[in-house]
Amino acid sequence: MKIIVQKFGGTSVSSSESRRIVLKKIIDKVKEGYHVVVVVSAMGRKGSPYSTDSLLDLINKEALNPREIDLLLSCGEIISGVTLSSMIREKGYKAKVLTGRLAGIKTNDNFGNAEVLDVDPSNIINSLKDGNIVIVAGFQGVNSNGEITTLGRGGSDITAVVLGKALHCNQVEIFTDVDGVMTADPNIVENAKVIKTMCYSEVYQLAENGAKVIHPKAVEIAQQSNISLVIKNTFTDSEGTIIEKADTNFYNNRKKQFNDKILTGITFKKGRNQIKVKTDDEKNETERLMNDITINKINIDLINFFIDEKIFTVEDKDLPVMTNILKEGNYKYDIIKNCCKLSAVGYKMHGVPGVMAKIVNALWKNNIKILQSSDSHNTIWCLIYEKDAEAALKILHEEFEMYK
């Protein structure tokens, strides 16, 4: 059985006009001989009647427990699925809508951000054999007690990929409202271009560090299962971005077949705060500090540890607790607020000298101060002030000629 999974985001199913476009893309795959599994998000974005944010606006989140909130939020994707199903049936095709539970998606008990533990695809397979286009409500599953759970923001991407894995698909199509993964945010960099082909690690770093085209966990699952992902625009005929395995042949032929730039893409995350703490290890201050951070479940990033000083960043949401830890522990510390983590990603930078120097020189030449930096084999991170984020994106995009 030749199966393909297509996932359509909120803007793709937000209006009758957009759903007609979705319908054509689904039927085109049926005509190509595929058995089609469609994963849908809730309709539209904040302000749309059935979007996730609009559903949240109906309640006082403090008055409900996470279990009840997940019950409410699961409705948005079900509405999308049933609405699309009616249109498919009007065209003379059979369709069946499945919730996350009926689709066999089993999760842990972490309401609001559940992890998928297993998928039993038998119901989907039987429905496909009966000639149905199967529509699955994204973003949701069921725990061992039979209660609805949700997978966190962007969770429909995860739904699509775990179903692709369970159904042994070679490819999963992720439809959104942009032409693919781009070299930078096109709302900021006018000459940003679509990246035709990427490896998993590149798109994971972009997604993890601010690009919102696909959920990073979905990329991780796809990599583990060697599923090719295609990011496409629902509203255009763009070929999109293909994300695939980075094998020897991929890299040996990259110069001919793929983007030949040192940097593949640039993105950023705002809302970061740099913490500098003076430590005296004779007083076990480092151990005490790390224990307090762990106990309070604070995520730290851009970590640079020296003998007498520890430097790292925390998100805005963790800053009040972090500040209390520092005050109550009588640490000598300094905090720089309103920072931004700038991420430059590209496999070709590995082993190439001078990339960091080029980034530093370009930013300093334009009076953008680098507060901290770090790197891996395919990513360079720079901590800068939030106010410089958009300018830095444009400068590096030009400096590395990513528009060509």
Protein backbone atom coordinates (compact mmCIF):
# COMPACT_ATOMS: atom_id res chain seq x y z
CA MET A 1 0.00 0.00 0.00
CA LYS A 2 1.49 3.32 -1.11
CA ILE A 3 0.70 5.80 1.68
CA ILE A 4 1.52 9.48 2.01
CA VAL A 5 0.88 11.76 4.97
CA GLN A 6 -0.04 15.39 4.27
CA LYS A 7 -0.21 17.90 7.10
CA PHE A 8 -2.04 21.21 6.67
CA GLY A 9 -1.48 24.08 9.08
CA GLY A 10 -4.01 26.51 10.52
CA THR A 11 -3.91 29.04 7.70
CA SER A 12 -4.40 26.24 5.17
CA VAL A 13 -7.78 25.28 6.67
CA SER A 14 -8.88 28.71 7.88
CA SER A 15 -11.44 29.54 5.16
CA SER A 16 -13.62 27.78 2.62
CA GLU A 17 -11.42 29.18 -0.15
CA SER A 18 -8.20 27.84 1.41
CA ARG A 19 -9.84 24.49 2.14
CA ARG A 20 -10.76 24.16 -1.55
CA ILE A 21 -7.06 24.51 -2.36
CA VAL A 22 -6.26 21.88 0.27
CA LEU A 23 -8.91 19.61 -1.22
CA LYS A 24 -7.27 19.77 -4.65
CA LYS A 25 -3.86 18.86 -3.23
CA ILE A 26 -5.35 15.86 -1.46
CA ILE A 27 -7.27 14.62 -4.51
CA ASP A 28 -4.21 15.10 -6.73
CA LYS A 29 -2.37 12.59 -4.54
CA VAL A 30 -5.28 10.16 -4.72
CA LYS A 31 -5.18 10.40 -8.52
CA GLU A 32 -1.45 9.61 -8.36
CA GLY A 33 -2.31 6.32 -6.70
CA TYR A 34 -1.62 7.20 -3.08
CA HIS A 35 -3.64 6.25 -0.04
CA VAL A 36 -3.77 9.63 1.71
CA VAL A 37 -3.65 10.38 5.43
CA VAL A 38 -4.34 14.05 6.16
CA VAL A 39 -3.33 15.69 9.45
CA VAL A 40 -5.02 19.01 10.22
CA SER A 41 -4.37 21.84 12.65
CA ALA A 42 -7.03 24.07 14.20
CA MET A 43 -8.43 26.70 11.87
CA GLY A 44 -6.50 29.94 11.51
CA ARG A 45 -4.54 31.89 14.07
CA LYS A 46 -5.38 34.10 17.03
CA GLY A 47 -8.67 35.85 16.35
CA SER A 48 -10.12 33.07 14.22
CA PRO A 49 -13.14 31.52 15.99
CA TYR A 50 -11.74 27.99 16.37
CA SER A 51 -8.00 28.61 16.60
CA THR A 52 -6.11 27.32 19.62
CA ASP A 53 -5.57 30.84 20.97
CA SER A 54 -9.25 31.72 20.52
CA LEU A 55 -10.26 28.61 22.46
CA LEU A 56 -7.83 29.58 25.23
CA ASP A 57 -9.42 33.04 25.37
CA LEU A 58 -12.72 31.42 26.37
CA ILE A 59 -11.41 30.32 29.75
CA ASN A 60 -9.49 31.36 32.81
CA LYS A 61 -6.50 29.03 32.55
CA GLU A 62 -5.74 29.45 36.25
CA ALA A 63 -9.16 28.08 37.15
CA LEU A 64 -8.75 24.83 35.19
CA ASN A 65 -6.31 21.98 35.46
CA PRO A 66 -4.18 20.95 32.44
CA ARG A 67 -6.38 17.91 31.79
CA GLU A 68 -9.47 20.07 31.21
CA ILE A 69 -7.53 22.58 29.11
CA ASP A 70 -6.43 19.74 26.82
CA LEU A 71 -10.06 18.64 26.47
CA LEU A 72 -10.94 22.12 25.21
CA LEU A 73 -7.93 22.54 22.91
CA SER A 74 -8.47 19.18 21.20
CA CYS A 75 -11.74 20.53 19.77
CA GLY A 76 -10.06 22.86 17.27
CA GLU A 77 -8.45 20.10 15.21
CA ILE A 78 -11.61 17.98 15.30
CA ILE A 79 -13.63 20.89 13.86
CA SER A 80 -11.06 21.27 11.06
CA GLY A 81 -11.15 17.56 10.31
CA VAL A 82 -14.93 17.24 10.10
CA THR A 83 -15.24 20.41 8.00
CA LEU A 84 -12.66 19.14 5.50
CA SER A 85 -14.28 15.71 5.47
CA SER A 86 -17.60 17.18 4.32
CA MET A 87 -15.88 18.86 1.37
CA ILE A 88 -14.12 15.64 0.38
CA ARG A 89 -17.42 13.75 0.46
CA GLU A 90 -19.08 16.42 -1.68
CA LYS A 91 -16.49 15.61 -4.35
CA GLY A 92 -17.53 11.97 -4.32
CA TYR A 93 -14.66 10.54 -2.26
CA LYS A 94 -14.95 8.54 0.94
CA ALA A 95 -13.48 10.16 4.05
CA LYS A 96 -13.13 9.22 7.69
CA VAL A 97 -12.15 11.52 10.55
CA LEU A 98 -10.13 10.14 13.45
CA THR A 99 -9.19 11.79 16.72
CA GLY A 100 -5.70 11.22 18.07
CA ARG A 101 -7.05 8.36 20.18
CA LEU A 102 -8.79 6.69 17.24
CA ALA A 103 -5.62 7.12 15.19
CA GLY A 104 -3.76 5.07 17.81
CA ILE A 105 -1.49 7.82 19.14
CA LYS A 106 -0.50 6.88 22.68
CA THR A 107 1.22 9.41 24.93
CA ASN A 108 2.45 9.93 28.47
CA ASP A 109 0.47 11.90 31.06
CA ASN A 110 2.11 15.29 30.51
CA PHE A 111 -1.00 17.30 29.65
CA GLY A 112 -0.25 20.29 27.43
CA ASN A 113 3.07 18.94 26.21
CA ALA A 114 2.67 15.18 25.99
CA GLU A 115 5.28 12.90 24.46
CA VAL A 116 4.22 10.23 21.96
CA LEU A 117 5.14 6.80 23.30
CA ASP A 118 3.68 4.56 20.62
CA VAL A 119 1.36 4.52 17.60
CA ASP A 120 -1.00 1.71 16.67
CA PRO A 121 -1.88 2.44 13.01
CA SER A 122 -4.29 -0.48 12.54
CA ASN A 123 -7.42 1.71 12.54
CA ILE A 124 -5.88 4.02 9.94
CA ILE A 125 -4.78 1.11 7.75
CA ASN A 126 -8.21 -0.54 7.89
CA SER A 127 -9.86 2.77 7.01
CA LEU A 128 -7.51 3.23 4.05
CA LYS A 129 -8.26 -0.30 2.84
CA ASP A 130 -11.95 0.61 2.88
CA GLY A 131 -11.17 3.36 0.38
CA ASN A 132 -11.23 6.31 2.75
CA ILE A 133 -9.15 9.42 2.75
CA VAL A 134 -8.26 9.40 6.45
CA ILE A 135 -8.26 12.75 8.26
CA VAL A 136 -6.52 12.81 11.63
CA ALA A 137 -6.94 15.59 14.19
CA GLY A 138 -3.41 16.77 14.82
CA PHE A 139 -1.80 17.90 18.06
CA GLN A 140 -3.47 15.23 20.22
CA GLY A 141 -3.25 11.71 21.58
CA VAL A 142 -4.45 9.63 24.50
CA ASN A 143 -2.77 8.52 27.72
CA SER A 144 -2.95 5.12 29.38
CA ASN A 145 -6.13 6.16 31.20
CA GLY A 146 -7.90 6.98 27.95
CA GLU A 147 -7.74 10.75 28.55
CA ILE A 148 -7.06 13.25 25.78
CA THR A 149 -3.61 14.84 25.80
CA THR A 150 -2.11 17.51 23.55
CA LEU A 151 1.42 17.61 22.17
CA GLY A 152 2.30 21.28 22.67
CA ARG A 153 2.48 24.17 20.23
CA GLY A 154 3.16 23.00 16.70
CA GLY A 155 2.19 19.47 17.74
CA SER A 156 0.40 18.70 14.47
CA ASP A 157 3.83 18.46 12.82
CA ILE A 158 4.69 15.78 15.36
CA THR A 159 1.41 13.97 14.64
CA ALA A 160 2.21 13.89 10.92
CA VAL A 161 5.71 12.50 11.37
CA VAL A 162 4.84 9.84 13.97
CA LEU A 163 2.06 8.64 11.67
CA GLY A 164 4.49 8.64 8.76
CA LYS A 165 6.83 6.49 10.83
CA ALA A 166 4.09 4.06 11.92
CA LEU A 167 2.75 3.74 8.37
CA HIS A 168 6.25 3.25 6.90
CA CYS A 169 5.97 6.28 4.62
CA ASN A 170 9.01 7.41 2.68
CA GLN A 171 7.83 11.01 2.71
CA VAL A 172 5.67 13.39 4.74
CA GLU A 173 4.42 16.67 3.24
CA ILE A 174 4.08 19.65 5.60
CA PHE A 175 1.93 22.40 4.08
CA THR A 176 2.11 25.91 5.48
CA ASP A 177 1.82 29.50 4.21
CA VAL A 178 5.44 29.98 3.07
CA ASP A 179 7.22 28.46 0.06
CA GLY A 180 9.56 26.37 2.19
CA VAL A 181 12.40 26.85 4.65
CA MET A 182 14.05 30.16 3.81
CA THR A 183 17.52 31.60 4.29
CA ALA A 184 16.03 34.13 6.73
CA ASP A 185 12.66 35.50 7.78
CA PRO A 186 11.26 37.06 4.57
CA ASN A 187 9.30 39.56 6.65
CA ILE A 188 12.67 41.01 7.71
CA VAL A 189 15.03 40.16 4.85
CA GLU A 190 13.35 41.03 1.54
CA ASN A 191 15.72 38.99 -0.63
CA ALA A 192 15.57 35.83 1.47
CA LYS A 193 15.19 32.77 -0.72
CA VAL A 194 13.82 29.25 -0.42
CA ILE A 195 16.37 26.56 0.42
CA LYS A 196 15.70 23.69 -1.97
CA THR A 197 17.33 20.86 -0.03
CA MET A 198 18.58 20.59 3.54
CA CYS A 199 19.81 17.89 5.88
CA TYR A 200 17.97 17.16 9.13
CA SER A 201 20.58 18.76 11.37
CA GLU A 202 20.41 22.08 9.53
CA VAL A 203 16.64 22.43 9.67
CA TYR A 204 16.57 21.17 13.27
CA GLN A 205 18.95 23.95 14.33
CA LEU A 206 16.91 26.58 12.48
CA ALA A 207 13.64 25.30 13.98
CA GLU A 208 15.10 24.99 17.48
CA ASN A 209 16.55 28.48 17.33
CA GLY A 210 13.59 30.51 16.14
CA ALA A 211 12.47 29.57 12.61
CA LYS A 212 8.81 28.57 12.87
CA VAL A 213 8.35 26.49 9.73
CA ILE A 214 8.35 23.08 11.44
CA HIS A 215 8.49 21.71 14.99
CA PRO A 216 12.07 20.63 15.86
CA LYS A 217 10.81 17.44 17.52
CA ALA A 218 9.15 16.45 14.24
CA VAL A 219 12.49 16.85 12.48
CA GLU A 220 14.18 14.73 15.14
CA ILE A 221 11.64 11.90 14.72
CA ALA A 222 11.93 12.08 10.93
CA GLN A 223 15.71 11.78 11.17
CA GLN A 224 15.49 8.75 13.46
CA SER A 225 13.12 7.08 10.99
CA ASN A 226 14.82 8.33 7.80
CA ILE A 227 11.59 9.91 6.56
CA SER A 228 11.98 12.59 3.90
CA LEU A 229 10.12 15.79 4.80
CA VAL A 230 8.86 18.29 2.24
CA ILE A 231 7.87 21.79 3.41
CA LYS A 232 5.47 23.34 0.88
CA ASN A 233 3.18 26.31 0.47
CA THR A 234 -0.50 25.41 0.33
CA PHE A 235 -1.23 28.44 -1.80
CA THR A 236 1.46 28.16 -4.49
CA ASP A 237 2.99 25.51 -6.73
CA SER A 238 6.44 26.00 -5.22
CA GLU A 239 8.49 22.80 -5.01
CA GLY A 240 9.29 23.70 -1.41
CA THR A 241 12.18 22.43 0.71
CA ILE A 242 13.17 18.78 0.86
CA ILE A 243 14.70 17.64 4.15
CA GLU A 244 16.53 14.34 3.97
CA LYS A 245 19.28 12.13 5.28
CA ALA A 246 22.79 13.57 5.32
CA ASP A 247 24.75 10.61 3.97
CA THR A 248 28.15 10.60 2.28
CA ASN A 249 26.61 11.04 -1.15
CA PHE A 250 24.58 14.05 0.08
CA TYR A 251 27.72 15.92 1.11
CA ASN A 252 29.93 14.78 -1.76
CA ASN A 253 27.38 16.09 -4.24
CA ARG A 254 26.23 19.12 -2.28
CA LYS A 255 28.19 21.55 -4.43
CA LYS A 256 26.35 20.44 -7.55
CA GLN A 257 22.91 19.69 -6.15
CA PHE A 258 22.36 21.87 -3.12
CA ASN A 259 22.86 25.35 -1.75
CA ASP A 260 26.58 26.04 -2.05
CA LYS A 261 26.79 28.81 0.54
CA ILE A 262 28.78 28.56 3.76
CA LEU A 263 25.62 29.49 5.68
CA THR A 264 22.33 27.78 4.87
CA GLY A 265 20.08 29.93 7.04
CA ILE A 266 20.02 32.55 9.80
CA THR A 267 17.46 33.01 12.54
CA PHE A 268 17.13 34.44 16.04
CA LYS A 269 15.31 34.11 19.35
CA LYS A 270 14.53 37.12 21.49
CA GLY A 271 13.68 37.16 25.18
CA ARG A 272 17.11 36.04 26.44
CA ASN A 273 19.01 37.31 29.48
CA GLN A 274 22.72 36.87 30.11
CA ILE A 275 23.72 35.81 33.63
CA LYS A 276 27.31 36.20 34.89
CA VAL A 277 28.04 34.65 38.28
CA LYS A 278 31.34 34.84 40.20
CA THR A 279 31.92 31.48 41.92
CA ASP A 280 34.23 30.19 44.62
CA ASP A 281 34.55 26.41 44.28
CA GLU A 282 36.13 26.15 47.73
CA LYS A 283 32.66 27.10 48.96
CA ASN A 284 31.00 24.67 46.52
CA GLU A 285 29.20 27.60 44.91
CA THR A 286 29.13 26.08 41.42
CA GLU A 287 27.58 22.85 42.67
CA ARG A 288 25.06 24.75 44.78
CA LEU A 289 24.13 27.04 41.89
CA MET A 290 23.62 24.15 39.46
CA ASN A 291 21.52 22.24 41.98
CA ASP A 292 19.27 25.25 42.52
CA ILE A 293 18.86 25.71 38.76
CA THR A 294 18.00 22.04 38.32
CA ILE A 295 15.52 21.93 41.20
CA ASN A 296 13.71 24.97 39.79
CA LYS A 297 13.64 23.44 36.28
CA ILE A 298 15.34 26.41 34.65
CA ASN A 299 16.73 25.83 31.16
CA ILE A 300 20.10 27.50 30.67
CA ASP A 301 21.73 28.07 27.29
CA LEU A 302 24.95 29.44 25.74
CA ILE A 303 26.90 28.02 28.65
CA ASN A 304 30.50 29.20 29.21
CA PHE A 305 32.05 27.97 32.47
CA PHE A 306 35.36 29.33 33.74
CA ILE A 307 37.19 28.65 37.00
CA ASP A 308 35.85 31.70 38.81
CA GLU A 309 32.95 32.74 36.60
CA LYS A 310 29.90 31.04 35.10
CA ILE A 311 28.17 32.66 32.13
CA PHE A 312 24.88 31.47 30.62
CA THR A 313 21.51 32.70 29.39
CA VAL A 314 17.94 32.15 30.57
CA GLU A 315 14.59 32.92 28.98
CA ASP A 316 12.43 35.82 30.17
CA LYS A 317 9.97 33.45 31.83
CA ASP A 318 12.73 32.01 34.04
CA LEU A 319 14.39 35.31 34.96
CA PRO A 320 12.37 36.08 38.14
CA VAL A 321 13.14 32.66 39.66
CA MET A 322 16.77 32.88 38.53
CA THR A 323 17.11 36.29 40.14
CA ASN A 324 15.70 34.96 43.42
CA ILE A 325 18.21 32.10 43.39
CA LEU A 326 21.08 34.53 42.92
CA LYS A 327 19.87 36.90 45.64
CA GLU A 328 19.05 34.24 48.21
CA GLY A 329 22.34 32.45 47.52
CA ASN A 330 24.32 35.68 48.08
CA TYR A 331 26.11 35.25 44.75
CA LYS A 332 28.06 38.02 43.09
CA TYR A 333 26.31 38.36 39.77
CA ASP A 334 25.43 40.58 36.84
CA ILE A 335 22.40 40.36 34.53
CA ILE A 336 22.10 41.79 31.04
CA LYS A 337 18.45 41.85 29.94
CA ASN A 338 16.80 42.20 26.53
CA CYS A 339 19.21 39.94 24.69
CA CYS A 340 18.77 37.91 21.51
CA LYS A 341 20.33 34.61 20.45
CA LEU A 342 21.41 34.89 16.80
CA SER A 343 21.97 31.53 15.05
CA ALA A 344 23.90 31.03 11.80
CA VAL A 345 23.44 27.50 10.43
CA GLY A 346 25.22 25.64 7.65
CA TYR A 347 26.86 22.27 7.20
CA LYS A 348 29.54 23.71 4.91
CA MET A 349 31.02 25.82 7.70
CA HIS A 350 32.40 22.63 9.31
CA GLY A 351 36.17 22.70 8.97
CA VAL A 352 36.17 26.02 7.10
CA PRO A 353 38.41 28.62 8.79
CA GLY A 354 37.37 32.23 9.19
CA VAL A 355 33.58 31.87 9.37
CA MET A 356 33.38 33.17 12.94
CA ALA A 357 35.82 35.96 12.12
CA LYS A 358 33.66 37.02 9.18
CA ILE A 359 30.55 37.11 11.40
CA VAL A 360 32.33 39.07 14.13
CA ASN A 361 33.82 41.59 11.70
CA ALA A 362 30.50 42.15 9.90
CA LEU A 363 28.61 42.78 13.14
CA TRP A 364 31.27 44.91 14.81
CA LYS A 365 31.69 46.98 11.65
CA ASN A 366 28.02 47.85 11.98
CA ASN A 367 28.27 48.64 15.73
CA ILE A 368 26.51 45.46 16.82
CA LYS A 369 28.06 44.19 20.02
CA ILE A 370 28.53 40.45 20.59
CA LEU A 371 28.02 39.68 24.28
CA GLN A 372 28.78 35.97 24.05
CA SER A 373 29.27 33.26 21.44
CA SER A 374 29.30 29.50 21.03
CA ASP A 375 29.45 27.02 18.17
CA SER A 376 28.95 23.43 17.03
CA HIS A 377 30.00 21.71 13.81
CA ASN A 378 27.15 23.35 11.83
CA THR A 379 25.94 26.31 13.92
CA ILE A 380 27.43 29.52 15.32
CA TRP A 381 25.47 31.33 18.03
CA CYS A 382 26.00 34.97 19.01
CA LEU A 383 24.29 36.73 21.88
CA ILE A 384 23.46 40.30 20.92
CA TYR A 385 21.00 42.95 22.10
CA GLU A 386 17.40 42.50 20.99
CA LYS A 387 17.37 45.93 19.41
CA ASP A 388 20.05 44.76 16.95
CA ALA A 389 18.38 41.49 15.92
CA GLU A 390 16.79 42.48 12.63
CA ALA A 391 19.79 44.54 11.52
CA ALA A 392 22.12 41.62 12.30
CA LEU A 393 19.97 39.26 10.23
CA LYS A 394 20.13 41.57 7.21
CA ILE A 395 23.86 42.22 7.60
CA LEU A 396 24.87 38.55 7.73
CA HIS A 397 22.48 37.63 4.91
CA GLU A 398 24.28 40.18 2.72
CA GLU A 399 27.78 39.41 4.03
CA PHE A 400 27.49 35.72 3.13
CA GLU A 401 25.58 36.48 -0.13
CA MET A 402 22.78 34.12 0.85
CA TYR A 403 20.38 35.83 -1.58
CA LYS A 404 22.23 34.42 -4.61
